[in-house]
Amino acid sequence: MAGLIDLIGEFTMPLRTDYFASLVRSIIGQQLSVKAAATIWKRTLQACGEMRPETILALDEEKLRAAGFSMSKITYVRDLAGRVLSGELDLERLSEMPDDEIIGALTKVKGIGVWTAQMFLIFSLGRPDVLSTADLGLRRALGWLYQLDETPGAKDFEQYGEKWQPYRTTASLYLWEAINRGHLR
């Protein structure tokens, strides 16, 4: 890992402090390329103006479909918006909760699984010790870093990650940055 940090150098990752927008953006980006997700995000912002639960719920299905949402993702963002408006999901309280409780609260929302909740912990709350063993990109980057013959599975990745505690988020960010900078082929 030290060699990767030397290769990449210092970089910063600004936090996404609008928690609702961050979660909507994560739902949009599920199983899509970065470029496709960015396009849908931009269209969604244009359609609703301000990213708030009320504005998402006010958009009809046709406008969300025109922005690029699948029917399932429409269900997911509406469920998220409804839970936030009802108070069932208190986004502001999340920052005070332990990681496992946040994951539990977020995964009650349709379309938000453990991976999406972990991305929220990393990119919105800046939690220092998150390792998403389900992230194939991270596992591929680890294989590249350690010159492994195969992409490690989740359990193997978790074992490597034990060495990086309590800074597994930082390790993950460097692995992702290696991907972003084209070091993996």
N, C-alpha and C. Protein backbone atom coordinates (compact mmCIF):
# COMPACT_ATOMS: atom_id res chain seq x y z
N MET A 1 0.83 -1.20 0.00
CA MET A 1 0.00 0.00 0.00
C MET A 1 0.87 1.26 0.00
N ALA A 2 2.01 1.20 0.68
CA ALA A 2 2.89 2.38 0.73
C ALA A 2 3.35 2.76 -0.68
N GLY A 3 3.65 1.77 -1.51
CA GLY A 3 4.05 2.04 -2.88
C GLY A 3 2.95 2.72 -3.68
N LEU A 4 1.71 2.30 -3.45
CA LEU A 4 0.58 2.92 -4.14
C LEU A 4 0.40 4.37 -3.70
N ILE A 5 0.56 4.60 -2.42
CA ILE A 5 0.43 5.98 -1.91
C ILE A 5 1.53 6.85 -2.51
N ASP A 6 2.74 6.32 -2.62
CA ASP A 6 3.83 7.07 -3.26
C ASP A 6 3.52 7.34 -4.72
N LEU A 7 2.97 6.34 -5.42
CA LEU A 7 2.64 6.48 -6.84
C LEU A 7 1.56 7.54 -7.06
N ILE A 8 0.52 7.50 -6.27
CA ILE A 8 -0.62 8.41 -6.43
C ILE A 8 -0.31 9.79 -5.86
N GLY A 9 0.35 9.81 -4.71
CA GLY A 9 0.59 11.08 -4.04
C GLY A 9 -0.63 11.51 -3.25
N GLU A 10 -0.53 12.67 -2.66
CA GLU A 10 -1.63 13.17 -1.85
C GLU A 10 -2.76 13.67 -2.75
N PHE A 11 -3.97 13.36 -2.35
CA PHE A 11 -5.14 13.90 -3.05
C PHE A 11 -6.28 14.03 -2.04
N THR A 12 -7.26 14.82 -2.37
CA THR A 12 -8.38 15.02 -1.45
C THR A 12 -9.66 14.55 -2.10
N MET A 13 -10.59 14.15 -1.28
CA MET A 13 -11.89 13.71 -1.73
C MET A 13 -12.93 14.52 -0.93
N PRO A 14 -13.52 15.54 -1.56
CA PRO A 14 -14.51 16.34 -0.82
C PRO A 14 -15.73 15.50 -0.46
N LEU A 15 -16.27 15.74 0.71
CA LEU A 15 -17.45 15.02 1.16
C LEU A 15 -18.70 15.56 0.49
N ARG A 16 -19.65 14.69 0.25
CA ARG A 16 -20.96 15.07 -0.27
C ARG A 16 -21.85 15.33 0.95
N THR A 17 -22.00 16.58 1.31
CA THR A 17 -22.67 16.92 2.57
C THR A 17 -24.18 17.03 2.46
N ASP A 18 -24.72 17.02 1.26
CA ASP A 18 -26.18 16.97 1.08
C ASP A 18 -26.54 15.49 1.05
N TYR A 19 -26.95 14.98 2.19
CA TYR A 19 -27.15 13.54 2.34
C TYR A 19 -28.24 12.99 1.42
N PHE A 20 -29.34 13.71 1.27
CA PHE A 20 -30.40 13.23 0.39
C PHE A 20 -29.90 13.15 -1.05
N ALA A 21 -29.28 14.20 -1.52
CA ALA A 21 -28.76 14.22 -2.88
C ALA A 21 -27.72 13.11 -3.08
N SER A 22 -26.89 12.90 -2.08
CA SER A 22 -25.87 11.86 -2.17
C SER A 22 -26.50 10.48 -2.34
N LEU A 23 -27.55 10.21 -1.58
CA LEU A 23 -28.21 8.91 -1.70
C LEU A 23 -28.94 8.76 -3.03
N VAL A 24 -29.59 9.82 -3.49
CA VAL A 24 -30.25 9.76 -4.80
C VAL A 24 -29.20 9.50 -5.88
N ARG A 25 -28.09 10.20 -5.79
CA ARG A 25 -27.02 10.02 -6.77
C ARG A 25 -26.47 8.60 -6.75
N SER A 26 -26.36 8.03 -5.57
CA SER A 26 -25.89 6.64 -5.45
C SER A 26 -26.88 5.67 -6.08
N ILE A 27 -28.17 5.90 -5.85
CA ILE A 27 -29.18 5.04 -6.46
C ILE A 27 -29.12 5.16 -7.98
N ILE A 28 -29.02 6.37 -8.47
CA ILE A 28 -28.92 6.58 -9.92
C ILE A 28 -27.73 5.81 -10.49
N GLY A 29 -26.61 5.85 -9.79
CA GLY A 29 -25.38 5.27 -10.31
C GLY A 29 -25.26 3.77 -10.22
N GLN A 30 -26.20 3.11 -9.54
CA GLN A 30 -26.11 1.66 -9.40
C GLN A 30 -26.14 0.97 -10.76
N GLN A 31 -25.12 0.14 -10.99
CA GLN A 31 -25.01 -0.68 -12.20
C GLN A 31 -24.98 0.12 -13.49
N LEU A 32 -24.45 1.34 -13.42
CA LEU A 32 -24.31 2.18 -14.60
C LEU A 32 -22.87 2.67 -14.71
N SER A 33 -22.47 3.04 -15.90
CA SER A 33 -21.16 3.67 -16.06
C SER A 33 -21.20 5.04 -15.40
N VAL A 34 -20.04 5.55 -15.07
CA VAL A 34 -19.95 6.88 -14.46
C VAL A 34 -20.55 7.93 -15.39
N LYS A 35 -20.29 7.79 -16.68
CA LYS A 35 -20.80 8.76 -17.66
C LYS A 35 -22.32 8.73 -17.74
N ALA A 36 -22.90 7.54 -17.80
CA ALA A 36 -24.36 7.43 -17.88
C ALA A 36 -25.01 7.98 -16.61
N ALA A 37 -24.43 7.65 -15.46
CA ALA A 37 -24.98 8.14 -14.19
C ALA A 37 -24.91 9.66 -14.12
N ALA A 38 -23.82 10.24 -14.59
CA ALA A 38 -23.67 11.70 -14.57
C ALA A 38 -24.73 12.36 -15.46
N THR A 39 -25.02 11.76 -16.59
CA THR A 39 -26.03 12.30 -17.50
C THR A 39 -27.41 12.27 -16.84
N ILE A 40 -27.75 11.15 -16.21
CA ILE A 40 -29.06 11.04 -15.56
C ILE A 40 -29.15 12.01 -14.38
N TRP A 41 -28.06 12.13 -13.63
CA TRP A 41 -28.03 13.07 -12.50
C TRP A 41 -28.30 14.50 -12.99
N LYS A 42 -27.62 14.89 -14.06
CA LYS A 42 -27.78 16.23 -14.60
C LYS A 42 -29.22 16.47 -15.06
N ARG A 43 -29.80 15.50 -15.76
CA ARG A 43 -31.19 15.62 -16.22
C ARG A 43 -32.16 15.70 -15.05
N THR A 44 -31.86 14.94 -13.99
CA THR A 44 -32.73 14.95 -12.81
C THR A 44 -32.69 16.31 -12.13
N LEU A 45 -31.50 16.87 -12.00
CA LEU A 45 -31.39 18.20 -11.40
C LEU A 45 -32.13 19.25 -12.23
N GLN A 46 -32.03 19.12 -13.55
CA GLN A 46 -32.74 20.06 -14.42
C GLN A 46 -34.25 19.92 -14.26
N ALA A 47 -34.70 18.68 -14.09
CA ALA A 47 -36.15 18.44 -13.99
C ALA A 47 -36.73 18.90 -12.66
N CYS A 48 -35.97 18.75 -11.57
CA CYS A 48 -36.54 19.09 -10.26
C CYS A 48 -36.00 20.39 -9.69
N GLY A 49 -34.97 20.94 -10.29
CA GLY A 49 -34.43 22.21 -9.81
C GLY A 49 -33.57 22.04 -8.58
N GLU A 50 -34.17 21.69 -7.48
CA GLU A 50 -33.44 21.51 -6.23
C GLU A 50 -33.66 20.07 -5.77
N MET A 51 -32.59 19.40 -5.39
CA MET A 51 -32.69 18.01 -4.99
C MET A 51 -33.17 17.91 -3.54
N ARG A 52 -34.47 17.72 -3.40
CA ARG A 52 -35.09 17.57 -2.08
C ARG A 52 -36.14 16.47 -2.18
N PRO A 53 -36.50 15.86 -1.07
CA PRO A 53 -37.53 14.82 -1.13
C PRO A 53 -38.82 15.30 -1.80
N GLU A 54 -39.23 16.52 -1.48
CA GLU A 54 -40.48 17.06 -2.04
C GLU A 54 -40.40 17.18 -3.56
N THR A 55 -39.25 17.60 -4.06
CA THR A 55 -39.15 17.80 -5.51
C THR A 55 -39.08 16.46 -6.25
N ILE A 56 -38.48 15.46 -5.63
CA ILE A 56 -38.45 14.13 -6.25
C ILE A 56 -39.87 13.56 -6.31
N LEU A 57 -40.61 13.68 -5.22
CA LEU A 57 -41.97 13.15 -5.19
C LEU A 57 -42.90 13.92 -6.12
N ALA A 58 -42.59 15.19 -6.38
CA ALA A 58 -43.44 16.01 -7.25
C ALA A 58 -43.24 15.67 -8.73
N LEU A 59 -42.11 15.07 -9.06
CA LEU A 59 -41.87 14.70 -10.46
C LEU A 59 -42.70 13.48 -10.82
N ASP A 60 -43.42 13.56 -11.93
CA ASP A 60 -44.19 12.39 -12.33
C ASP A 60 -43.28 11.35 -12.98
N GLU A 61 -43.83 10.18 -13.11
CA GLU A 61 -43.08 9.04 -13.64
C GLU A 61 -42.49 9.34 -15.01
N GLU A 62 -43.24 10.01 -15.87
CA GLU A 62 -42.77 10.32 -17.22
C GLU A 62 -41.51 11.18 -17.20
N LYS A 63 -41.47 12.17 -16.31
CA LYS A 63 -40.29 13.04 -16.24
C LYS A 63 -39.07 12.27 -15.72
N LEU A 64 -39.30 11.41 -14.75
CA LEU A 64 -38.18 10.61 -14.24
C LEU A 64 -37.70 9.62 -15.30
N ARG A 65 -38.62 9.02 -16.03
CA ARG A 65 -38.23 8.10 -17.12
C ARG A 65 -37.46 8.87 -18.19
N ALA A 66 -37.92 10.09 -18.51
CA ALA A 66 -37.23 10.92 -19.51
C ALA A 66 -35.83 11.28 -19.05
N ALA A 67 -35.63 11.41 -17.75
CA ALA A 67 -34.30 11.71 -17.22
C ALA A 67 -33.37 10.50 -17.30
N GLY A 68 -33.97 9.31 -17.45
CA GLY A 68 -33.16 8.10 -17.59
C GLY A 68 -33.37 7.06 -16.50
N PHE A 69 -34.33 7.28 -15.61
CA PHE A 69 -34.60 6.33 -14.53
C PHE A 69 -35.29 5.08 -15.05
N SER A 70 -34.89 3.94 -14.52
CA SER A 70 -35.64 2.70 -14.72
C SER A 70 -36.84 2.74 -13.79
N MET A 71 -37.80 1.87 -14.01
CA MET A 71 -38.97 1.82 -13.13
C MET A 71 -38.55 1.48 -11.70
N SER A 72 -37.59 0.57 -11.55
CA SER A 72 -37.17 0.19 -10.20
C SER A 72 -36.49 1.37 -9.50
N LYS A 73 -35.68 2.12 -10.21
CA LYS A 73 -35.02 3.27 -9.57
C LYS A 73 -36.00 4.38 -9.22
N ILE A 74 -37.07 4.50 -9.98
CA ILE A 74 -38.13 5.45 -9.61
C ILE A 74 -38.72 5.02 -8.27
N THR A 75 -39.00 3.73 -8.13
CA THR A 75 -39.52 3.20 -6.86
C THR A 75 -38.54 3.49 -5.73
N TYR A 76 -37.26 3.29 -5.98
CA TYR A 76 -36.25 3.47 -4.93
C TYR A 76 -36.15 4.92 -4.47
N VAL A 77 -36.05 5.86 -5.41
CA VAL A 77 -35.90 7.26 -4.99
C VAL A 77 -37.17 7.79 -4.34
N ARG A 78 -38.31 7.29 -4.78
CA ARG A 78 -39.56 7.70 -4.14
C ARG A 78 -39.66 7.12 -2.72
N ASP A 79 -39.22 5.89 -2.55
CA ASP A 79 -39.23 5.30 -1.21
C ASP A 79 -38.30 6.08 -0.29
N LEU A 80 -37.12 6.42 -0.78
CA LEU A 80 -36.18 7.22 0.00
C LEU A 80 -36.82 8.55 0.39
N ALA A 81 -37.38 9.25 -0.59
CA ALA A 81 -37.99 10.56 -0.33
C ALA A 81 -39.13 10.45 0.68
N GLY A 82 -39.96 9.45 0.52
CA GLY A 82 -41.08 9.26 1.43
C GLY A 82 -40.63 8.99 2.86
N ARG A 83 -39.60 8.18 3.02
CA ARG A 83 -39.09 7.86 4.36
C ARG A 83 -38.45 9.09 5.01
N VAL A 84 -37.79 9.91 4.20
CA VAL A 84 -37.18 11.13 4.75
C VAL A 84 -38.28 12.10 5.18
N LEU A 85 -39.27 12.30 4.32
CA LEU A 85 -40.36 13.24 4.65
C LEU A 85 -41.17 12.80 5.86
N SER A 86 -41.38 11.50 5.99
CA SER A 86 -42.17 10.99 7.12
C SER A 86 -41.39 11.01 8.43
N GLY A 87 -40.07 11.19 8.34
CA GLY A 87 -39.24 11.15 9.54
C GLY A 87 -38.75 9.76 9.90
N GLU A 88 -39.20 8.78 9.13
CA GLU A 88 -38.74 7.41 9.38
C GLU A 88 -37.23 7.28 9.21
N LEU A 89 -36.68 8.05 8.27
CA LEU A 89 -35.23 8.10 8.06
C LEU A 89 -34.79 9.54 8.31
N ASP A 90 -34.13 9.74 9.44
CA ASP A 90 -33.65 11.07 9.82
C ASP A 90 -32.20 11.20 9.34
N LEU A 91 -32.02 11.83 8.20
CA LEU A 91 -30.69 11.92 7.60
C LEU A 91 -29.70 12.68 8.48
N GLU A 92 -30.16 13.71 9.16
CA GLU A 92 -29.24 14.50 9.99
C GLU A 92 -28.73 13.70 11.19
N ARG A 93 -29.51 12.78 11.67
CA ARG A 93 -29.13 11.96 12.82
C ARG A 93 -28.08 10.91 12.44
N LEU A 94 -27.99 10.57 11.17
CA LEU A 94 -27.08 9.51 10.74
C LEU A 94 -25.64 9.78 11.16
N SER A 95 -25.23 11.02 11.09
CA SER A 95 -23.83 11.34 11.40
C SER A 95 -23.46 11.05 12.85
N GLU A 96 -24.46 10.91 13.70
CA GLU A 96 -24.22 10.63 15.12
C GLU A 96 -24.23 9.14 15.43
N MET A 97 -24.57 8.32 14.46
CA MET A 97 -24.76 6.88 14.69
C MET A 97 -23.50 6.09 14.33
N PRO A 98 -23.34 4.90 14.94
CA PRO A 98 -22.25 4.02 14.54
C PRO A 98 -22.49 3.47 13.13
N ASP A 99 -21.42 3.07 12.47
CA ASP A 99 -21.51 2.60 11.08
C ASP A 99 -22.55 1.50 10.89
N ASP A 100 -22.55 0.49 11.75
CA ASP A 100 -23.47 -0.63 11.56
C ASP A 100 -24.93 -0.20 11.69
N GLU A 101 -25.22 0.76 12.54
CA GLU A 101 -26.58 1.27 12.67
C GLU A 101 -26.98 2.07 11.43
N ILE A 102 -26.04 2.81 10.88
CA ILE A 102 -26.32 3.57 9.65
C ILE A 102 -26.64 2.61 8.51
N ILE A 103 -25.83 1.58 8.39
CA ILE A 103 -26.08 0.58 7.34
C ILE A 103 -27.46 -0.04 7.54
N GLY A 104 -27.81 -0.36 8.79
CA GLY A 104 -29.13 -0.92 9.08
C GLY A 104 -30.26 0.02 8.71
N ALA A 105 -30.11 1.30 9.04
CA ALA A 105 -31.15 2.28 8.73
C ALA A 105 -31.30 2.49 7.23
N LEU A 106 -30.18 2.59 6.53
CA LEU A 106 -30.24 2.87 5.09
C LEU A 106 -30.74 1.67 4.29
N THR A 107 -30.39 0.47 4.71
CA THR A 107 -30.79 -0.72 3.94
C THR A 107 -32.28 -1.05 4.11
N LYS A 108 -32.99 -0.33 4.95
CA LYS A 108 -34.44 -0.46 5.02
C LYS A 108 -35.11 0.21 3.82
N VAL A 109 -34.40 1.12 3.18
CA VAL A 109 -34.91 1.83 2.00
C VAL A 109 -34.79 0.90 0.80
N LYS A 110 -35.86 0.80 0.03
CA LYS A 110 -35.82 -0.03 -1.18
C LYS A 110 -34.70 0.46 -2.09
N GLY A 111 -33.91 -0.47 -2.58
CA GLY A 111 -32.85 -0.12 -3.52
C GLY A 111 -31.53 0.30 -2.88
N ILE A 112 -31.49 0.38 -1.56
CA ILE A 112 -30.23 0.70 -0.90
C ILE A 112 -29.76 -0.55 -0.18
N GLY A 113 -28.66 -1.09 -0.67
CA GLY A 113 -28.06 -2.26 -0.06
C GLY A 113 -26.83 -1.87 0.74
N VAL A 114 -26.11 -2.87 1.18
CA VAL A 114 -24.93 -2.64 2.01
C VAL A 114 -23.90 -1.81 1.25
N TRP A 115 -23.66 -2.13 -0.04
CA TRP A 115 -22.65 -1.40 -0.81
C TRP A 115 -22.99 0.09 -0.87
N THR A 116 -24.24 0.43 -1.18
CA THR A 116 -24.64 1.83 -1.26
C THR A 116 -24.51 2.51 0.09
N ALA A 117 -24.88 1.81 1.15
CA ALA A 117 -24.73 2.37 2.50
C ALA A 117 -23.26 2.60 2.83
N GLN A 118 -22.39 1.69 2.42
CA GLN A 118 -20.96 1.88 2.67
C GLN A 118 -20.41 3.07 1.88
N MET A 119 -20.89 3.26 0.66
CA MET A 119 -20.45 4.42 -0.12
C MET A 119 -20.89 5.71 0.58
N PHE A 120 -22.07 5.70 1.19
CA PHE A 120 -22.53 6.85 1.96
C PHE A 120 -21.60 7.11 3.14
N LEU A 121 -21.22 6.04 3.83
CA LEU A 121 -20.29 6.19 4.97
C LEU A 121 -18.98 6.83 4.52
N ILE A 122 -18.50 6.43 3.36
CA ILE A 122 -17.21 6.93 2.86
C ILE A 122 -17.34 8.35 2.32
N PHE A 123 -18.25 8.54 1.37
CA PHE A 123 -18.28 9.77 0.58
C PHE A 123 -19.13 10.90 1.17
N SER A 124 -20.01 10.57 2.11
CA SER A 124 -20.81 11.62 2.74
C SER A 124 -20.40 11.88 4.18
N LEU A 125 -20.13 10.82 4.91
CA LEU A 125 -19.79 10.99 6.32
C LEU A 125 -18.29 10.96 6.59
N GLY A 126 -17.50 10.52 5.62
CA GLY A 126 -16.05 10.49 5.80
C GLY A 126 -15.60 9.54 6.89
N ARG A 127 -16.30 8.45 7.04
CA ARG A 127 -15.92 7.48 8.07
C ARG A 127 -14.58 6.84 7.69
N PRO A 128 -13.66 6.69 8.65
CA PRO A 128 -12.28 6.32 8.33
C PRO A 128 -12.01 4.85 8.09
N ASP A 129 -12.90 3.96 8.52
CA ASP A 129 -12.54 2.54 8.49
C ASP A 129 -13.61 1.70 7.80
N VAL A 130 -13.91 2.03 6.54
CA VAL A 130 -14.91 1.30 5.77
C VAL A 130 -14.20 0.56 4.64
N LEU A 131 -14.51 -0.72 4.52
CA LEU A 131 -13.96 -1.54 3.44
C LEU A 131 -15.12 -2.28 2.80
N SER A 132 -15.40 -1.97 1.56
CA SER A 132 -16.50 -2.60 0.85
C SER A 132 -15.98 -3.83 0.11
N THR A 133 -16.11 -4.97 0.77
CA THR A 133 -15.57 -6.21 0.19
C THR A 133 -16.34 -6.64 -1.06
N ALA A 134 -17.54 -6.12 -1.25
CA ALA A 134 -18.33 -6.46 -2.43
C ALA A 134 -17.95 -5.64 -3.66
N ASP A 135 -17.11 -4.63 -3.49
CA ASP A 135 -16.76 -3.75 -4.61
C ASP A 135 -15.73 -4.43 -5.51
N LEU A 136 -16.18 -4.83 -6.69
CA LEU A 136 -15.31 -5.54 -7.62
C LEU A 136 -14.13 -4.68 -8.07
N GLY A 137 -14.35 -3.40 -8.25
CA GLY A 137 -13.27 -2.51 -8.65
C GLY A 137 -12.16 -2.48 -7.62
N LEU A 138 -12.53 -2.41 -6.37
CA LEU A 138 -11.52 -2.42 -5.29
C LEU A 138 -10.76 -3.74 -5.30
N ARG A 139 -11.48 -4.83 -5.46
CA ARG A 139 -10.82 -6.15 -5.46
C ARG A 139 -9.89 -6.30 -6.66
N ARG A 140 -10.32 -5.79 -7.82
CA ARG A 140 -9.44 -5.82 -9.00
C ARG A 140 -8.19 -4.99 -8.77
N ALA A 141 -8.37 -3.81 -8.16
CA ALA A 141 -7.22 -2.94 -7.89
C ALA A 141 -6.26 -3.60 -6.91
N LEU A 142 -6.79 -4.31 -5.93
CA LEU A 142 -5.94 -5.02 -4.99
C LEU A 142 -5.13 -6.10 -5.71
N GLY A 143 -5.79 -6.82 -6.61
CA GLY A 143 -5.08 -7.84 -7.40
C GLY A 143 -3.96 -7.22 -8.21
N TRP A 144 -4.22 -6.07 -8.81
CA TRP A 144 -3.18 -5.36 -9.56
C TRP A 144 -2.05 -4.93 -8.63
N LEU A 145 -2.39 -4.35 -7.49
CA LEU A 145 -1.39 -3.83 -6.57
C LEU A 145 -0.44 -4.92 -6.08
N TYR A 146 -0.99 -6.06 -5.74
CA TYR A 146 -0.18 -7.15 -5.20
C TYR A 146 0.20 -8.19 -6.26
N GLN A 147 -0.07 -7.87 -7.52
CA GLN A 147 0.28 -8.73 -8.65
C GLN A 147 -0.22 -10.16 -8.46
N LEU A 148 -1.49 -10.27 -8.09
CA LEU A 148 -2.11 -11.57 -7.88
C LEU A 148 -2.54 -12.15 -9.22
N ASP A 149 -2.56 -13.46 -9.31
CA ASP A 149 -2.97 -14.12 -10.55
C ASP A 149 -4.47 -13.97 -10.80
N GLU A 150 -5.25 -13.86 -9.73
CA GLU A 150 -6.71 -13.74 -9.86
C GLU A 150 -7.21 -12.57 -9.02
N THR A 151 -8.35 -12.07 -9.39
CA THR A 151 -9.00 -11.05 -8.56
C THR A 151 -9.42 -11.72 -7.27
N PRO A 152 -9.02 -11.17 -6.13
CA PRO A 152 -9.38 -11.81 -4.86
C PRO A 152 -10.89 -11.76 -4.61
N GLY A 153 -11.37 -12.77 -3.91
CA GLY A 153 -12.76 -12.81 -3.48
C GLY A 153 -12.95 -11.89 -2.28
N ALA A 154 -14.18 -11.78 -1.85
CA ALA A 154 -14.51 -10.88 -0.75
C ALA A 154 -13.77 -11.26 0.55
N LYS A 155 -13.70 -12.55 0.85
CA LYS A 155 -13.03 -12.97 2.09
C LYS A 155 -11.54 -12.66 2.05
N ASP A 156 -10.90 -12.94 0.91
CA ASP A 156 -9.47 -12.64 0.78
C ASP A 156 -9.23 -11.13 0.87
N PHE A 157 -10.11 -10.37 0.23
CA PHE A 157 -9.98 -8.92 0.28
C PHE A 157 -10.10 -8.41 1.71
N GLU A 158 -11.04 -9.00 2.47
CA GLU A 158 -11.20 -8.60 3.86
C GLU A 158 -9.93 -8.89 4.66
N GLN A 159 -9.28 -10.01 4.38
CA GLN A 159 -8.04 -10.35 5.08
C GLN A 159 -6.94 -9.33 4.77
N TYR A 160 -6.81 -8.94 3.51
CA TYR A 160 -5.84 -7.89 3.17
C TYR A 160 -6.19 -6.60 3.91
N GLY A 161 -7.48 -6.30 3.94
CA GLY A 161 -7.94 -5.08 4.56
C GLY A 161 -7.67 -4.98 6.05
N GLU A 162 -7.52 -6.11 6.71
CA GLU A 162 -7.23 -6.09 8.15
C GLU A 162 -5.94 -5.33 8.44
N LYS A 163 -5.00 -5.39 7.51
CA LYS A 163 -3.71 -4.71 7.69
C LYS A 163 -3.88 -3.19 7.69
N TRP A 164 -4.93 -2.72 7.07
CA TRP A 164 -5.11 -1.28 6.89
C TRP A 164 -5.96 -0.64 7.98
N GLN A 165 -6.50 -1.44 8.89
CA GLN A 165 -7.32 -0.87 9.97
C GLN A 165 -6.49 0.06 10.83
N PRO A 166 -7.00 1.13 11.30
CA PRO A 166 -8.36 1.66 11.18
C PRO A 166 -8.52 2.67 10.04
N TYR A 167 -7.76 2.48 8.97
CA TYR A 167 -7.78 3.44 7.84
C TYR A 167 -8.16 2.77 6.52
N ARG A 168 -9.10 1.85 6.58
CA ARG A 168 -9.47 1.12 5.36
C ARG A 168 -10.14 2.02 4.33
N THR A 169 -10.77 3.09 4.77
CA THR A 169 -11.34 4.04 3.80
C THR A 169 -10.22 4.67 2.97
N THR A 170 -9.17 5.08 3.61
CA THR A 170 -8.04 5.69 2.89
C THR A 170 -7.46 4.70 1.90
N ALA A 171 -7.28 3.46 2.32
CA ALA A 171 -6.77 2.43 1.40
C ALA A 171 -7.71 2.28 0.20
N SER A 172 -9.01 2.25 0.47
CA SER A 172 -9.99 2.13 -0.60
C SER A 172 -9.92 3.30 -1.57
N LEU A 173 -9.79 4.49 -1.03
CA LEU A 173 -9.70 5.67 -1.89
C LEU A 173 -8.48 5.62 -2.80
N TYR A 174 -7.37 5.14 -2.27
CA TYR A 174 -6.17 5.01 -3.10
C TYR A 174 -6.34 3.92 -4.16
N LEU A 175 -6.99 2.84 -3.82
CA LEU A 175 -7.25 1.79 -4.82
C LEU A 175 -8.15 2.32 -5.92
N TRP A 176 -9.21 3.04 -5.55
CA TRP A 176 -10.09 3.64 -6.57
C TRP A 176 -9.33 4.66 -7.42
N GLU A 177 -8.45 5.42 -6.79
CA GLU A 177 -7.70 6.43 -7.54
C GLU A 177 -6.76 5.77 -8.55
N ALA A 178 -6.24 4.61 -8.20
CA ALA A 178 -5.40 3.87 -9.16
C ALA A 178 -6.22 3.50 -10.40
N ILE A 179 -7.47 3.12 -10.18
CA ILE A 179 -8.37 2.82 -11.30
C ILE A 179 -8.63 4.09 -12.11
N ASN A 180 -8.99 5.16 -11.41
CA ASN A 180 -9.33 6.43 -12.08
C ASN A 180 -8.18 6.97 -12.92
N ARG A 181 -6.96 6.74 -12.48
CA ARG A 181 -5.80 7.24 -13.21
C ARG A 181 -5.29 6.27 -14.26
N GLY A 182 -6.00 5.17 -14.45
CA GLY A 182 -5.66 4.24 -15.53
C GLY A 182 -4.49 3.32 -15.26
N HIS A 183 -4.17 3.09 -14.01
CA HIS A 183 -3.04 2.20 -13.71
C HIS A 183 -3.37 0.73 -13.94
N LEU A 184 -4.63 0.36 -13.85
CA LEU A 184 -5.03 -1.03 -14.09
C LEU A 184 -5.28 -1.22 -15.57
N ARG A 185 -4.83 -2.29 -16.08
CA ARG A 185 -5.07 -2.59 -17.50
C ARG A 185 -5.72 -3.93 -17.64
